[in-house]
């Protein structure tokens, strides 16, 4: 059975959980918090990050690499377009999120407001929070709003691009922020639509109890979904 190491409320771990769920792959989630790693964690994850997977004798780090591996080994319910241009677009949107947007949401907001104070007893860097909210995140949301031309971000079917975008938007809400329909109407409607997929609903059932143990995480998004 596929083993996924991480926590379900991690944006990048969630990417792999959603991918495995979409592909109907049974998996075991093994809880690993990077700030409190188990022994020999660096041998499994050279950068000390989550997620990693173990699939038989294969151990892999990095959510993008893991996604491509899973697609090659378990091609059912493909999450990568067959058309070359759409395939490249899916990879680009995933990279845009992971390298261009995620650092400002995860490190600039979530780390400062939740994890550094809770696990390291560090005060939030208010200057970094302000820069993330006012300078870095809005133009990246605007790009996603502009580039979303159809129902999905890459081609005509749900793909890894949609997993990446939706996953990081969930963590934006965990950090105490809200994606505003007035500012990003297409992205807002898209986000709500993707959250209704069975794969996300199934992931939420495992994620909510785990996230609820971190009192500082903002759970209003899930309250709204359940209403």
C-alpha atoms as a PDB file:
ATOM      1  CA  UNK A   1       0.000   0.000   0.000  1.00  0.00           C
ATOM      2  CA  UNK A   2       1.138   3.529  -0.794  1.00  0.00           C
ATOM      3  CA  UNK A   3       2.419   5.378   2.278  1.00  0.00           C
ATOM      4  CA  UNK A   4       2.142   9.177   2.391  1.00  0.00           C
ATOM      5  CA  UNK A   5       4.177  10.984   5.036  1.00  0.00           C
ATOM      6  CA  UNK A   6       2.940  14.405   6.081  1.00  0.00           C
ATOM      7  CA  UNK A   7      -0.098  16.055   7.631  1.00  0.00           C
ATOM      8  CA  UNK A   8      -3.409  16.374   5.768  1.00  0.00           C
ATOM      9  CA  UNK A   9      -3.658  20.142   6.269  1.00  0.00           C
ATOM     10  CA  UNK A  10      -0.330  20.690   4.508  1.00  0.00           C
ATOM     11  CA  UNK A  11      -1.011  22.142   1.042  1.00  0.00           C
ATOM     12  CA  UNK A  12       1.580  19.927  -0.611  1.00  0.00           C
ATOM     13  CA  UNK A  13       0.614  16.782   1.280  1.00  0.00           C
ATOM     14  CA  UNK A  14      -2.993  17.463   0.347  1.00  0.00           C
ATOM     15  CA  UNK A  15      -1.987  17.504  -3.327  1.00  0.00           C
ATOM     16  CA  UNK A  16      -0.875  13.886  -3.072  1.00  0.00           C
ATOM     17  CA  UNK A  17      -3.853  12.830  -0.971  1.00  0.00           C
ATOM     18  CA  UNK A  18      -6.225  14.306  -3.559  1.00  0.00           C
ATOM     19  CA  UNK A  19      -4.301  12.724  -6.442  1.00  0.00           C
ATOM     20  CA  UNK A  20      -4.384   9.308  -4.782  1.00  0.00           C
ATOM     21  CA  UNK A  21      -8.088   9.705  -4.029  1.00  0.00           C
ATOM     22  CA  UNK A  22      -8.884  10.719  -7.605  1.00  0.00           C
ATOM     23  CA  UNK A  23      -7.037   7.601  -8.773  1.00  0.00           C
ATOM     24  CA  UNK A  24      -8.818   5.388  -6.195  1.00  0.00           C
ATOM     25  CA  UNK A  25      -5.448   4.344  -4.765  1.00  0.00           C
ATOM     26  CA  UNK A  26      -5.518   2.975  -1.215  1.00  0.00           C
ATOM     27  CA  UNK A  27      -2.964   4.730   0.963  1.00  0.00           C
ATOM     28  CA  UNK A  28      -1.806   5.069   4.524  1.00  0.00           C
ATOM     29  CA  UNK A  29      -1.184   8.572   5.851  1.00  0.00           C
ATOM     30  CA  UNK A  30       1.675   8.655   8.342  1.00  0.00           C
ATOM     31  CA  UNK A  31       1.714  11.862  10.367  1.00  0.00           C
ATOM     32  CA  UNK A  32       4.961  13.807  10.158  1.00  0.00           C
ATOM     33  CA  UNK A  33       5.340  17.400  11.339  1.00  0.00           C
ATOM     34  CA  UNK A  34       8.544  18.900   9.880  1.00  0.00           C
ATOM     35  CA  UNK A  35       9.203  20.948  13.034  1.00  0.00           C
ATOM     36  CA  UNK A  36       9.122  17.738  15.072  1.00  0.00           C
ATOM     37  CA  UNK A  37      10.446  15.106  12.626  1.00  0.00           C
ATOM     38  CA  UNK A  38      10.920  11.444  13.476  1.00  0.00           C
ATOM     39  CA  UNK A  39      14.402   9.884  13.656  1.00  0.00           C
ATOM     40  CA  UNK A  40      16.173   9.474  10.313  1.00  0.00           C
ATOM     41  CA  UNK A  41      13.715  11.826   8.626  1.00  0.00           C
ATOM     42  CA  UNK A  42      16.491  13.492   6.620  1.00  0.00           C
ATOM     43  CA  UNK A  43      17.423  10.145   5.127  1.00  0.00           C
ATOM     44  CA  UNK A  44      13.911   9.898   3.721  1.00  0.00           C
ATOM     45  CA  UNK A  45      13.407  13.582   2.914  1.00  0.00           C
ATOM     46  CA  UNK A  46      16.753  15.240   2.066  1.00  0.00           C
ATOM     47  CA  UNK A  47      15.259  18.752   2.384  1.00  0.00           C
ATOM     48  CA  UNK A  48      13.355  17.879   5.529  1.00  0.00           C
ATOM     49  CA  UNK A  49      10.033  18.722   3.885  1.00  0.00           C
ATOM     50  CA  UNK A  50       6.692  16.985   3.468  1.00  0.00           C
ATOM     51  CA  UNK A  51       5.271  15.088   1.744  1.00  0.00           C
ATOM     52  CA  UNK A  52       7.236  12.030   0.862  1.00  0.00           C
ATOM     53  CA  UNK A  53       5.863   8.697  -0.279  1.00  0.00           C
ATOM     54  CA  UNK A  54       6.945   5.111  -0.045  1.00  0.00           C
ATOM     55  CA  UNK A  55       5.629   2.797  -2.729  1.00  0.00           C
ATOM     56  CA  UNK A  56       7.208  -0.587  -2.241  1.00  0.00           C
ATOM     57  CA  UNK A  57      10.948  -0.001  -2.512  1.00  0.00           C
ATOM     58  CA  UNK A  58      10.515   3.496  -3.983  1.00  0.00           C
ATOM     59  CA  UNK A  59      10.860   6.534  -1.699  1.00  0.00           C
ATOM     60  CA  UNK A  60      10.233   9.948  -3.226  1.00  0.00           C
ATOM     61  CA  UNK A  61      10.152  13.535  -2.004  1.00  0.00           C
ATOM     62  CA  UNK A  62       8.553  16.637  -3.567  1.00  0.00           C
ATOM     63  CA  UNK A  63       4.865  16.737  -4.410  1.00  0.00           C
ATOM     64  CA  UNK A  64       5.391  17.510  -8.110  1.00  0.00           C
ATOM     65  CA  UNK A  65       7.793  14.605  -8.583  1.00  0.00           C
ATOM     66  CA  UNK A  66       5.475  12.325  -6.625  1.00  0.00           C
ATOM     67  CA  UNK A  67       2.541  13.347  -8.810  1.00  0.00           C
ATOM     68  CA  UNK A  68       4.394  12.513 -12.005  1.00  0.00           C
ATOM     69  CA  UNK A  69       5.532   9.176 -10.568  1.00  0.00           C
ATOM     70  CA  UNK A  70       1.991   8.266  -9.564  1.00  0.00           C
ATOM     71  CA  UNK A  71       0.714   9.170 -13.006  1.00  0.00           C
ATOM     72  CA  UNK A  72       3.268   6.894 -14.665  1.00  0.00           C
ATOM     73  CA  UNK A  73       2.665   3.968 -12.304  1.00  0.00           C
ATOM     74  CA  UNK A  74      -1.079   4.400 -11.871  1.00  0.00           C
ATOM     75  CA  UNK A  75      -2.414   5.949 -15.078  1.00  0.00           C
ATOM     76  CA  UNK A  76      -6.074   5.346 -14.275  1.00  0.00           C
ATOM     77  CA  UNK A  77      -8.036   8.593 -13.945  1.00  0.00           C
ATOM     78  CA  UNK A  78      -5.275  10.657 -15.520  1.00  0.00           C
ATOM     79  CA  UNK A  79      -4.448  13.967 -13.859  1.00  0.00           C
ATOM     80  CA  UNK A  80      -2.252  15.220 -16.714  1.00  0.00           C
ATOM     81  CA  UNK A  81      -3.690  16.262 -20.107  1.00  0.00           C
ATOM     82  CA  UNK A  82      -2.707  14.250 -23.170  1.00  0.00           C
ATOM     83  CA  UNK A  83      -2.573  17.314 -25.413  1.00  0.00           C
ATOM     84  CA  UNK A  84       0.985  18.685 -25.357  1.00  0.00           C
ATOM     85  CA  UNK A  85       0.009  22.318 -24.886  1.00  0.00           C
ATOM     86  CA  UNK A  86      -2.484  21.517 -22.137  1.00  0.00           C
ATOM     87  CA  UNK A  87       0.060  19.228 -20.471  1.00  0.00           C
ATOM     88  CA  UNK A  88       2.636  22.000 -20.431  1.00  0.00           C
ATOM     89  CA  UNK A  89       0.048  24.414 -19.078  1.00  0.00           C
ATOM     90  CA  UNK A  90      -0.829  22.039 -16.243  1.00  0.00           C
ATOM     91  CA  UNK A  91       2.847  21.789 -15.294  1.00  0.00           C
ATOM     92  CA  UNK A  92       3.215  25.568 -15.508  1.00  0.00           C
ATOM     93  CA  UNK A  93       0.226  26.314 -13.281  1.00  0.00           C
ATOM     94  CA  UNK A  94       1.465  23.796 -10.713  1.00  0.00           C
ATOM     95  CA  UNK A  95       4.921  25.396 -10.792  1.00  0.00           C
ATOM     96  CA  UNK A  96       3.439  28.899 -10.608  1.00  0.00           C
ATOM     97  CA  UNK A  97       1.543  27.906  -7.475  1.00  0.00           C
ATOM     98  CA  UNK A  98       4.328  25.947  -5.809  1.00  0.00           C
ATOM     99  CA  UNK A  99       7.155  28.421  -6.494  1.00  0.00           C
ATOM    100  CA  UNK A 100       5.366  31.715  -7.077  1.00  0.00           C
ATOM    101  CA  UNK A 101       2.358  31.742  -4.753  1.00  0.00           C
ATOM    102  CA  UNK A 102       2.785  29.097  -2.056  1.00  0.00           C
ATOM    103  CA  UNK A 103       5.838  30.685  -0.372  1.00  0.00           C
ATOM    104  CA  UNK A 104       3.889  33.872   0.318  1.00  0.00           C
ATOM    105  CA  UNK A 105       0.874  32.026   1.716  1.00  0.00           C
ATOM    106  CA  UNK A 106       2.722  29.299   3.596  1.00  0.00           C
ATOM    107  CA  UNK A 107       5.833  31.134   4.786  1.00  0.00           C
ATOM    108  CA  UNK A 108       4.510  34.686   4.631  1.00  0.00           C
ATOM    109  CA  UNK A 109       1.151  34.092   6.342  1.00  0.00           C
ATOM    110  CA  UNK A 110       0.573  30.612   7.752  1.00  0.00           C
ATOM    111  CA  UNK A 111       4.026  30.135   9.220  1.00  0.00           C
ATOM    112  CA  UNK A 112       4.049  33.599  10.759  1.00  0.00           C
ATOM    113  CA  UNK A 113       0.558  33.468  12.224  1.00  0.00           C
ATOM    114  CA  UNK A 114       0.279  29.824  13.253  1.00  0.00           C
ATOM    115  CA  UNK A 115       3.302  27.552  13.210  1.00  0.00           C
ATOM    116  CA  UNK A 116       6.176  29.784  14.321  1.00  0.00           C
ATOM    117  CA  UNK A 117       4.298  31.035  17.410  1.00  0.00           C
ATOM    118  CA  UNK A 118       2.908  27.607  18.293  1.00  0.00           C
ATOM    119  CA  UNK A 119       5.895  25.344  17.712  1.00  0.00           C
ATOM    120  CA  UNK A 120       8.888  27.691  17.989  1.00  0.00           C
ATOM    121  CA  UNK A 121       7.500  30.397  20.311  1.00  0.00           C
ATOM    122  CA  UNK A 122       8.484  33.035  17.759  1.00  0.00           C
ATOM    123  CA  UNK A 123       6.565  36.268  17.337  1.00  0.00           C
ATOM    124  CA  UNK A 124       4.986  36.835  13.917  1.00  0.00           C
ATOM    125  CA  UNK A 125       6.953  38.926  11.450  1.00  0.00           C
ATOM    126  CA  UNK A 126       4.318  41.590  10.841  1.00  0.00           C
ATOM    127  CA  UNK A 127       6.366  43.262   8.109  1.00  0.00           C
ATOM    128  CA  UNK A 128       6.537  40.000   6.157  1.00  0.00           C
ATOM    129  CA  UNK A 129       2.811  39.390   6.685  1.00  0.00           C
ATOM    130  CA  UNK A 130       2.010  42.849   5.343  1.00  0.00           C
ATOM    131  CA  UNK A 131       4.298  42.446   2.336  1.00  0.00           C
ATOM    132  CA  UNK A 132       2.773  39.052   1.545  1.00  0.00           C
ATOM    133  CA  UNK A 133      -0.808  40.327   1.795  1.00  0.00           C
ATOM    134  CA  UNK A 134      -0.359  43.646   0.045  1.00  0.00           C
ATOM    135  CA  UNK A 135       2.475  43.180  -2.444  1.00  0.00           C
ATOM    136  CA  UNK A 136       3.019  39.518  -3.265  1.00  0.00           C
ATOM    137  CA  UNK A 137      -0.272  37.616  -3.154  1.00  0.00           C
ATOM    138  CA  UNK A 138      -2.672  40.013  -4.981  1.00  0.00           C
ATOM    139  CA  UNK A 139      -0.822  40.048  -8.337  1.00  0.00           C
ATOM    140  CA  UNK A 140      -0.557  36.267  -8.256  1.00  0.00           C
ATOM    141  CA  UNK A 141      -4.265  35.902  -7.574  1.00  0.00           C
ATOM    142  CA  UNK A 142      -4.877  38.381 -10.386  1.00  0.00           C
ATOM    143  CA  UNK A 143      -2.833  36.208 -12.747  1.00  0.00           C
ATOM    144  CA  UNK A 144      -4.869  33.142 -11.838  1.00  0.00           C
ATOM    145  CA  UNK A 145      -8.079  35.120 -12.311  1.00  0.00           C
ATOM    146  CA  UNK A 146      -6.934  36.310 -15.724  1.00  0.00           C
ATOM    147  CA  UNK A 147      -5.602  32.984 -16.956  1.00  0.00           C
ATOM    148  CA  UNK A 148      -8.657  30.928 -15.934  1.00  0.00           C
ATOM    149  CA  UNK A 149     -10.558  30.838 -19.216  1.00  0.00           C
ATOM    150  CA  UNK A 150     -12.746  27.760 -18.806  1.00  0.00           C
ATOM    151  CA  UNK A 151     -13.944  25.333 -16.183  1.00  0.00           C
ATOM    152  CA  UNK A 152     -10.413  24.122 -15.439  1.00  0.00           C
ATOM    153  CA  UNK A 153      -6.917  25.567 -15.583  1.00  0.00           C
ATOM    154  CA  UNK A 154      -5.455  23.171 -18.166  1.00  0.00           C
ATOM    155  CA  UNK A 155      -7.615  21.790 -20.933  1.00  0.00           C
ATOM    156  CA  UNK A 156     -11.153  20.551 -20.475  1.00  0.00           C
ATOM    157  CA  UNK A 157     -10.661  18.170 -17.544  1.00  0.00           C
ATOM    158  CA  UNK A 158      -9.655  18.324 -13.900  1.00  0.00           C
ATOM    159  CA  UNK A 159      -5.878  18.059 -13.577  1.00  0.00           C
ATOM    160  CA  UNK A 160      -2.899  18.478 -11.295  1.00  0.00           C
ATOM    161  CA  UNK A 161      -3.128  22.205 -11.976  1.00  0.00           C
ATOM    162  CA  UNK A 162      -6.521  22.329 -10.299  1.00  0.00           C
ATOM    163  CA  UNK A 163      -5.287  20.294  -7.351  1.00  0.00           C
ATOM    164  CA  UNK A 164      -2.404  22.718  -6.825  1.00  0.00           C
ATOM    165  CA  UNK A 165      -4.509  25.876  -7.085  1.00  0.00           C
ATOM    166  CA  UNK A 166      -7.329  24.663  -4.869  1.00  0.00           C
ATOM    167  CA  UNK A 167      -4.992  23.211  -2.264  1.00  0.00           C
ATOM    168  CA  UNK A 168      -3.090  26.448  -1.748  1.00  0.00           C
ATOM    169  CA  UNK A 169      -6.330  28.453  -1.590  1.00  0.00           C
ATOM    170  CA  UNK A 170      -7.477  26.228   1.272  1.00  0.00           C
ATOM    171  CA  UNK A 171      -4.337  27.143   3.185  1.00  0.00           C
ATOM    172  CA  UNK A 172      -4.892  30.814   2.424  1.00  0.00           C
ATOM    173  CA  UNK A 173      -8.135  30.451   4.393  1.00  0.00           C
ATOM    174  CA  UNK A 174      -6.377  28.496   7.139  1.00  0.00           C
ATOM    175  CA  UNK A 175      -4.164  31.559   7.578  1.00  0.00           C
ATOM    176  CA  UNK A 176      -7.218  33.669   8.407  1.00  0.00           C
ATOM    177  CA  UNK A 177      -7.830  35.197   4.991  1.00  0.00           C
ATOM    178  CA  UNK A 178     -10.738  34.876   2.553  1.00  0.00           C
ATOM    179  CA  UNK A 179     -10.810  34.734  -1.227  1.00  0.00           C
ATOM    180  CA  UNK A 180     -13.237  37.537  -2.101  1.00  0.00           C
ATOM    181  CA  UNK A 181     -15.742  37.091  -4.900  1.00  0.00           C
ATOM    182  CA  UNK A 182     -15.786  40.829  -5.512  1.00  0.00           C
ATOM    183  CA  UNK A 183     -12.037  40.853  -6.203  1.00  0.00           C
ATOM    184  CA  UNK A 184     -11.629  37.546  -8.041  1.00  0.00           C
ATOM    185  CA  UNK A 185     -15.070  36.411  -9.272  1.00  0.00           C
ATOM    186  CA  UNK A 186     -13.911  33.674 -11.656  1.00  0.00           C
ATOM    187  CA  UNK A 187     -11.386  32.261  -9.208  1.00  0.00           C
ATOM    188  CA  UNK A 188     -13.931  32.375  -6.378  1.00  0.00           C
ATOM    189  CA  UNK A 189     -16.568  30.447  -8.319  1.00  0.00           C
ATOM    190  CA  UNK A 190     -13.948  27.978  -9.542  1.00  0.00           C
ATOM    191  CA  UNK A 191     -12.686  27.399  -5.994  1.00  0.00           C
ATOM    192  CA  UNK A 192     -16.151  26.655  -4.660  1.00  0.00           C
ATOM    193  CA  UNK A 193     -16.879  24.303  -7.543  1.00  0.00           C
ATOM    194  CA  UNK A 194     -13.690  22.270  -7.112  1.00  0.00           C
ATOM    195  CA  UNK A 195     -14.172  22.041  -3.350  1.00  0.00           C
ATOM    196  CA  UNK A 196     -17.405  20.158  -4.053  1.00  0.00           C
ATOM    197  CA  UNK A 197     -15.586  17.286  -5.805  1.00  0.00           C
ATOM    198  CA  UNK A 198     -15.790  13.918  -4.088  1.00  0.00           C
ATOM    199  CA  UNK A 199     -12.007  13.736  -3.725  1.00  0.00           C
ATOM    200  CA  UNK A 200     -11.897  16.956  -1.714  1.00  0.00           C
ATOM    201  CA  UNK A 201     -14.924  15.963   0.333  1.00  0.00           C
ATOM    202  CA  UNK A 202     -13.262  12.654   1.230  1.00  0.00           C
ATOM    203  CA  UNK A 203     -10.011  14.416   2.085  1.00  0.00           C
ATOM    204  CA  UNK A 204     -11.851  16.863   4.342  1.00  0.00           C
ATOM    205  CA  UNK A 205     -13.203  14.021   6.468  1.00  0.00           C
ATOM    206  CA  UNK A 206      -9.636  13.160   7.465  1.00  0.00           C
ATOM    207  CA  UNK A 207      -8.322  16.710   7.396  1.00  0.00           C
ATOM    208  CA  UNK A 208     -10.797  18.481   9.652  1.00  0.00           C
ATOM    209  CA  UNK A 209     -10.085  16.440  12.811  1.00  0.00           C
ATOM    210  CA  UNK A 210      -6.334  16.823  12.311  1.00  0.00           C
ATOM    211  CA  UNK A 211      -6.566  20.544  11.580  1.00  0.00           C
ATOM    212  CA  UNK A 212      -8.816  21.075  14.579  1.00  0.00           C
ATOM    213  CA  UNK A 213      -5.967  20.041  16.870  1.00  0.00           C
ATOM    214  CA  UNK A 214      -4.151  23.226  15.790  1.00  0.00           C
ATOM    215  CA  UNK A 215      -6.407  25.807  17.404  1.00  0.00           C
ATOM    216  CA  UNK A 216      -4.722  28.671  15.602  1.00  0.00           C
ATOM    217  CA  UNK A 217      -5.849  27.440  12.162  1.00  0.00           C
ATOM    218  CA  UNK A 218      -8.887  29.282  10.858  1.00  0.00           C
ATOM    219  CA  UNK A 219     -11.595  26.677  10.217  1.00  0.00           C
ATOM    220  CA  UNK A 220     -14.310  29.014   8.904  1.00  0.00           C
ATOM    221  CA  UNK A 221     -14.001  27.682   5.349  1.00  0.00           C
ATOM    222  CA  UNK A 222     -15.025  24.200   6.442  1.00  0.00           C
ATOM    223  CA  UNK A 223     -17.829  25.579   8.588  1.00  0.00           C
ATOM    224  CA  UNK A 224     -19.191  27.352   5.519  1.00  0.00           C
ATOM    225  CA  UNK A 225     -18.911  24.217   3.385  1.00  0.00           C
ATOM    226  CA  UNK A 226     -20.864  22.197   5.924  1.00  0.00           C
ATOM    227  CA  UNK A 227     -23.629  24.805   6.176  1.00  0.00           C
END
